[in-house]
Amino acid sequence: MSETATPSAKPAGPKWEADAKDDIRTALRKFQKPLQELVQRDANEGDTRLLVTDFLCVALGYDKYEDLTTEYAVRGEFADYGVRIEKQLVAFIEVKRAAQQLNARHLRQVETYAVKEGLEWIILTNGQTWQAYHVTVVTGQQVSTTLALEVDVLGDETTAKKVERLFHLHRSALKRDTISELWKRQAATSPQALADVLRSPAVLDAMRKEIRRQNSFNADVDELGRIIRSGVIRPELVIDAKK
């Protein structure tokens, strides 16, 4: 009786996605030791940039000459990197030295560049930690910058989780704007978004009906809204007190 060959497992996604993740997985092993050494000796920003450039090319698939512009001029100032995909500027990258903790001041610096150039995406890194932020500019409102993803290359998370997050920064993924879908999903379930849902008329009315079912008490919807605003939701999430 002849044996039937077992068909090989099909990749979970398209080939370009599998290839991108393979790039990242291989690079994480390759860069771990050099990155650890940079952190241990508190390497300067210039040395960190050398490693970041190599990581962008080897792990994330960018062409050093076609896709990356160092010291990108922004109205008399300079972003560390401008990232172009098919000649279109899509993001700025700000690099800090390997042992330096990334902070809000660093973010504000590159955020200003993005606003001036009309970009949605900025990346902040010290080689070890990679953060990607979405920048939203609405006329007459304060600029909103929200974290879309964060990866600690030397952290305790599994390699698989690091690969899944870094994938959205790979050239192939950024070209297809997968990071926007990631950001939209996160924004939809952010504390602010959920606070808005809790205060929506439909949810307040559903609360009123459930309270009546459980306690035979017909609560006032406006009063429920006041209680939600003042006693349930953190004050900083209540942007519009009239809601």
Protein backbone atom coordinates (compact mmCIF):
# COMPACT_ATOMS: atom_id res chain seq x y z
CA MET A 1 0.00 0.00 0.00
CA SER A 2 1.54 3.29 -1.06
CA GLU A 3 1.90 6.11 1.40
CA THR A 4 0.08 9.35 0.73
CA ALA A 5 2.32 12.41 0.96
CA THR A 6 1.26 14.93 3.55
CA PRO A 7 0.79 18.35 1.92
CA SER A 8 3.10 21.03 3.29
CA ALA A 9 1.49 23.68 5.43
CA LYS A 10 0.58 26.84 3.56
CA PRO A 11 1.91 30.15 4.89
CA ALA A 12 -0.57 32.08 7.01
CA GLY A 13 -0.29 35.19 4.84
CA PRO A 14 1.03 36.38 1.50
CA LYS A 15 4.62 35.63 0.53
CA TRP A 16 5.74 39.25 0.90
CA GLU A 17 4.55 39.19 4.52
CA ALA A 18 6.33 35.90 5.28
CA ASP A 19 9.51 37.22 3.67
CA ALA A 20 9.36 40.44 5.69
CA LYS A 21 8.92 38.54 8.94
CA ASP A 22 11.79 36.22 8.04
CA ASP A 23 14.00 39.30 7.50
CA ILE A 24 13.12 40.60 10.94
CA ARG A 25 13.46 37.27 12.72
CA THR A 26 16.93 36.70 11.28
CA ALA A 27 18.04 40.26 12.03
CA LEU A 28 16.91 40.12 15.66
CA ARG A 29 19.43 37.33 16.23
CA LYS A 30 22.15 39.12 14.29
CA PHE A 31 21.80 42.50 16.01
CA GLN A 32 21.26 41.38 19.60
CA LYS A 33 24.93 41.25 20.61
CA PRO A 34 26.05 44.49 18.85
CA LEU A 35 23.09 46.33 20.34
CA GLN A 36 23.81 45.02 23.84
CA GLU A 37 27.38 46.24 23.49
CA LEU A 38 26.23 49.71 22.43
CA VAL A 39 23.96 49.94 25.47
CA GLN A 40 26.63 48.67 27.87
CA ARG A 41 29.23 51.20 26.76
CA ASP A 42 26.66 54.02 26.48
CA ALA A 43 27.59 54.57 22.83
CA ASN A 44 27.08 58.04 21.42
CA GLU A 45 24.29 59.01 19.07
CA GLY A 46 26.51 58.73 15.99
CA ASP A 47 27.42 55.11 16.72
CA THR A 48 23.78 54.35 17.46
CA ARG A 49 22.77 55.78 14.10
CA LEU A 50 25.18 53.41 12.34
CA LEU A 51 23.44 50.44 13.92
CA VAL A 52 19.99 51.90 13.26
CA THR A 53 20.85 52.37 9.58
CA ASP A 54 21.98 48.75 9.31
CA PHE A 55 18.83 47.57 11.13
CA LEU A 56 16.60 49.60 8.81
CA CYS A 57 18.27 47.98 5.80
CA VAL A 58 18.81 44.40 6.99
CA ALA A 59 15.77 43.88 9.23
CA LEU A 60 13.23 46.30 7.78
CA GLY A 61 14.04 46.10 4.10
CA TYR A 62 14.93 49.71 3.24
CA ASP A 63 17.43 50.65 0.58
CA LYS A 64 20.08 52.88 2.10
CA TYR A 65 20.28 55.08 -0.98
CA GLU A 66 16.76 55.00 -2.39
CA ASP A 67 14.61 55.02 0.75
CA LEU A 68 16.56 56.82 3.48
CA THR A 69 17.68 60.43 3.66
CA THR A 70 19.83 61.38 6.64
CA GLU A 71 19.68 64.89 8.11
CA TYR A 72 16.45 65.62 6.25
CA ALA A 73 16.04 69.41 6.10
CA VAL A 74 12.78 70.74 7.55
CA ARG A 75 12.63 74.52 7.30
CA GLY A 76 16.01 75.22 8.81
CA GLU A 77 16.04 72.17 11.12
CA PHE A 78 16.99 68.56 10.48
CA ALA A 79 15.23 65.25 11.11
CA ASP A 80 17.64 62.34 11.57
CA TYR A 81 16.04 60.34 8.76
CA GLY A 82 13.39 60.92 6.16
CA VAL A 83 11.84 57.69 4.92
CA ARG A 84 10.72 57.55 1.30
CA ILE A 85 8.81 54.75 -0.39
CA GLU A 86 8.74 55.00 -4.17
CA LYS A 87 10.00 58.59 -3.84
CA GLN A 88 7.13 59.57 -1.53
CA LEU A 89 8.09 60.87 1.93
CA VAL A 90 6.11 58.82 4.46
CA ALA A 91 7.81 59.17 7.85
CA PHE A 92 10.53 60.78 9.94
CA ILE A 93 12.83 58.87 12.27
CA GLU A 94 14.48 60.44 15.31
CA VAL A 95 17.44 58.55 16.83
CA LYS A 96 18.80 58.89 20.36
CA ARG A 97 21.84 57.18 21.82
CA ALA A 98 21.46 53.51 22.70
CA ALA A 99 21.37 53.83 26.50
CA GLN A 100 19.13 56.92 26.55
CA GLN A 101 15.52 56.51 27.58
CA LEU A 102 13.09 57.87 25.00
CA ASN A 103 10.88 60.63 26.36
CA ALA A 104 8.18 63.15 25.46
CA ARG A 105 10.70 65.88 24.65
CA HIS A 106 12.23 63.70 21.92
CA LEU A 107 8.76 63.01 20.58
CA ARG A 108 7.81 66.70 20.46
CA GLN A 109 10.96 67.43 18.50
CA VAL A 110 10.19 65.06 15.63
CA GLU A 111 6.43 65.74 15.88
CA THR A 112 7.14 69.34 14.89
CA TYR A 113 8.95 68.15 11.78
CA ALA A 114 6.06 65.86 10.81
CA VAL A 115 3.47 68.63 11.20
CA LYS A 116 5.52 70.99 9.04
CA GLU A 117 5.81 68.37 6.28
CA GLY A 118 2.27 67.03 6.61
CA LEU A 119 3.32 63.50 7.61
CA GLU A 120 1.19 61.05 9.58
CA TRP A 121 3.98 58.83 10.90
CA ILE A 122 7.03 59.37 13.09
CA ILE A 123 9.39 56.79 14.53
CA LEU A 124 11.43 57.31 17.68
CA THR A 125 14.26 54.89 18.48
CA ASN A 126 17.47 54.37 20.40
CA GLY A 127 18.15 51.15 18.53
CA GLN A 128 16.79 49.04 21.36
CA THR A 129 13.31 50.54 21.66
CA TRP A 130 11.29 51.35 18.56
CA GLN A 131 8.18 53.50 18.87
CA ALA A 132 5.86 54.49 16.02
CA TYR A 133 3.40 57.36 16.47
CA HIS A 134 0.49 58.57 14.39
CA VAL A 135 0.17 62.35 14.02
CA THR A 136 -3.30 63.82 13.48
CA VAL A 137 -3.65 67.45 12.51
CA VAL A 138 -7.12 69.03 12.46
CA THR A 139 -7.53 72.72 11.73
CA GLY A 140 -8.36 74.65 14.88
CA GLN A 141 -7.46 71.76 17.20
CA GLN A 142 -4.34 70.74 19.07
CA VAL A 143 -2.09 68.23 17.28
CA SER A 144 -2.87 64.69 18.43
CA THR A 145 0.04 62.24 18.52
CA THR A 146 -0.73 58.68 19.62
CA LEU A 147 1.47 55.61 20.06
CA ALA A 148 0.68 52.94 17.47
CA LEU A 149 3.33 50.39 18.46
CA GLU A 150 6.36 49.90 20.68
CA VAL A 151 8.98 47.16 20.56
CA ASP A 152 11.92 46.53 22.89
CA VAL A 153 14.38 44.56 20.78
CA LEU A 154 16.28 43.41 23.88
CA GLY A 155 13.16 42.94 26.03
CA ASP A 156 11.75 39.75 27.51
CA GLU A 157 8.92 39.33 25.02
CA THR A 158 9.06 36.36 22.68
CA THR A 159 10.71 36.78 19.32
CA ALA A 160 7.34 36.10 17.67
CA LYS A 161 5.74 39.10 19.40
CA LYS A 162 8.65 41.36 18.49
CA VAL A 163 8.43 40.24 14.88
CA GLU A 164 4.66 40.87 14.75
CA ARG A 165 5.12 44.47 15.88
CA LEU A 166 8.26 45.31 13.93
CA PHE A 167 6.59 43.90 10.83
CA HIS A 168 4.50 47.08 10.51
CA LEU A 169 7.71 49.11 10.20
CA HIS A 170 9.11 46.90 7.41
CA ARG A 171 9.24 48.63 4.03
CA SER A 172 6.89 46.07 2.48
CA ALA A 173 4.30 46.64 5.21
CA LEU A 174 4.68 50.41 5.33
CA LYS A 175 4.23 50.49 1.55
CA ARG A 176 0.86 48.75 2.07
CA ASP A 177 0.04 50.94 5.09
CA THR A 178 -0.67 48.04 7.45
CA ILE A 179 0.30 50.29 10.35
CA SER A 180 -2.75 52.48 9.70
CA GLU A 181 -5.06 49.51 10.19
CA LEU A 182 -3.21 48.63 13.40
CA TRP A 183 -3.58 52.20 14.66
CA LYS A 184 -7.29 52.35 13.77
CA ARG A 185 -7.98 49.12 15.67
CA GLN A 186 -6.15 50.42 18.72
CA ALA A 187 -7.82 53.83 18.50
CA ALA A 188 -11.26 52.18 18.39
CA THR A 189 -10.66 50.51 21.75
CA SER A 190 -8.56 53.18 23.44
CA PRO A 191 -9.61 54.42 26.91
CA GLN A 192 -10.82 57.67 25.34
CA ALA A 193 -12.87 55.87 22.69
CA LEU A 194 -14.44 53.54 25.27
CA ALA A 195 -15.19 56.51 27.53
CA ASP A 196 -17.06 58.13 24.62
CA VAL A 197 -18.98 54.90 24.00
CA LEU A 198 -19.99 54.68 27.67
CA ARG A 199 -21.45 58.19 27.47
CA SER A 200 -23.27 57.65 24.18
CA PRO A 201 -27.10 57.87 24.20
CA ALA A 202 -27.49 54.26 23.02
CA VAL A 203 -25.35 52.85 25.86
CA LEU A 204 -26.92 55.07 28.51
CA ASP A 205 -30.38 53.96 27.39
CA ALA A 206 -29.27 50.32 27.51
CA MET A 207 -27.99 50.94 31.08
CA ARG A 208 -31.34 52.44 32.03
CA LYS A 209 -33.19 49.38 30.75
CA GLU A 210 -30.82 46.97 32.53
CA ILE A 211 -31.17 48.89 35.81
CA ARG A 212 -34.97 48.70 35.46
CA ARG A 213 -34.77 44.96 34.75
CA GLN A 214 -32.58 44.28 37.76
CA ASN A 215 -34.02 46.75 40.27
CA SER A 216 -37.44 47.84 38.96
CA PHE A 217 -36.15 51.41 39.00
CA ASN A 218 -36.51 53.66 35.95
CA ALA A 219 -33.34 55.76 36.14
CA ASP A 220 -33.02 59.11 34.40
CA VAL A 221 -30.65 58.94 31.39
CA ASP A 222 -29.18 62.39 32.06
CA GLU A 223 -28.48 61.43 35.66
CA LEU A 224 -26.79 58.22 34.52
CA GLY A 225 -24.59 60.29 32.21
CA ARG A 226 -23.62 62.58 35.07
CA ILE A 227 -22.70 59.62 37.30
CA ILE A 228 -20.64 58.02 34.52
CA ARG A 229 -18.78 61.28 33.93
CA SER A 230 -18.11 62.10 37.57
CA GLY A 231 -17.67 58.74 39.22
CA VAL A 232 -16.80 56.06 36.68
CA ILE A 233 -14.58 57.57 33.98
CA ARG A 234 -11.19 59.07 34.77
CA PRO A 235 -11.47 62.90 34.64
CA GLU A 236 -8.82 63.26 31.92
CA LEU A 237 -10.95 61.15 29.58
CA VAL A 238 -13.96 63.43 29.88
CA ILE A 239 -13.01 65.96 27.24
CA ASP A 240 -16.48 67.29 26.53
CA ALA A 241 -18.47 67.59 29.76
CA LYS A 242 -21.68 68.08 27.79
CA LYS A 243 -21.56 64.56 26.41
